[in-house]
Amino acid sequence: MSAVRFVAIGDSFTEGVGDELPDGRVRGWADIAAQGWADAAGHPIRYANLAIRGKLAWPIVEQQLEPALALRPTHLSFNGGGNDMLRPRSDIEHIADAFSRVLRRCDEEGVTLILLSGANPSGQLPLGSLVQRRGDELSDAVIRRIENRPDVIRALNWPDAELSTPPYWSEDRLHMNAAGHHRVAARVLHGLGHEPPASWWSPTAHPPAGPSGFAYYRQHVGPWVKRRVTRTSSGDGREPKHPTWVELVPQ
């Protein structure tokens, strides 16, 4: 039995925003995949999650990568750039260089990298065509950096047209709901060589439609614009939800 120590770093996508539990805690694909990994392997695994919402790609690397590697993981997952893409002057190649840094450090430490691309929200968002174009550019830039690395485990969600449809998204249209996070977790488990439950790939129920028109802009777009103007982040003052190892046993 090989010991698995899986640590996840990233932003709201990896923290699990949009997949809120009844007690208010967020779950998300990384929590779901980690438990599914223990279930599929038939033995406990250790899991940590250092992701914090609102982070740009390079701050994720600068603030989370070394603490994650200090835990001496066997596997590290990384995704970033979603928040960068919403800033029109961001340099796509510079964002993609963050992925190269993570890969280099994983190589140096003997850690297997699980690389994810985010899901594509452009069909539901204002200025969706801009998000689509910049997301395509970032996806291409990252793939170029790992094209000769078959040892990197890939869970590429950006090209998944099904995942881009409304049933997988929360009311803010920017974060996935529970169905979306389960579909991403299924892709991660598949990349690891395990077969996820079939129900993870498709939602069993369609969530109610969120606000539209002015109500949507007031509830979701307005607060985002305010944070940009005031140079604040939804992650300011937050701590990682699992900064040290949690042992997950098969269920």
Foldseek 3Di string as FASTA:
>chain_A
DDAFAEEEFEACQQLAPQAADPVGHGAFQQNVLQQQVQQQVQWKYKYFYFYYHFDAQVCRLVPPLVLVCVQVGQEYEDEHHLNVLVPPPRDLLVSLVSVVVSVVVCVVSNHAYEYEYDAQLLVPDVVSVSSLVSSVSNVVSNCVSCVVPPSHQYQYRHVPPVLNDQQQPHQLSSYGHQLSRLLSSQSNCVSVVGHGPPCSNGPPDGDDHHDDDPVSCVPHVVVVVVCVVVVHGPRPPDGTPGSHIDMHHHD
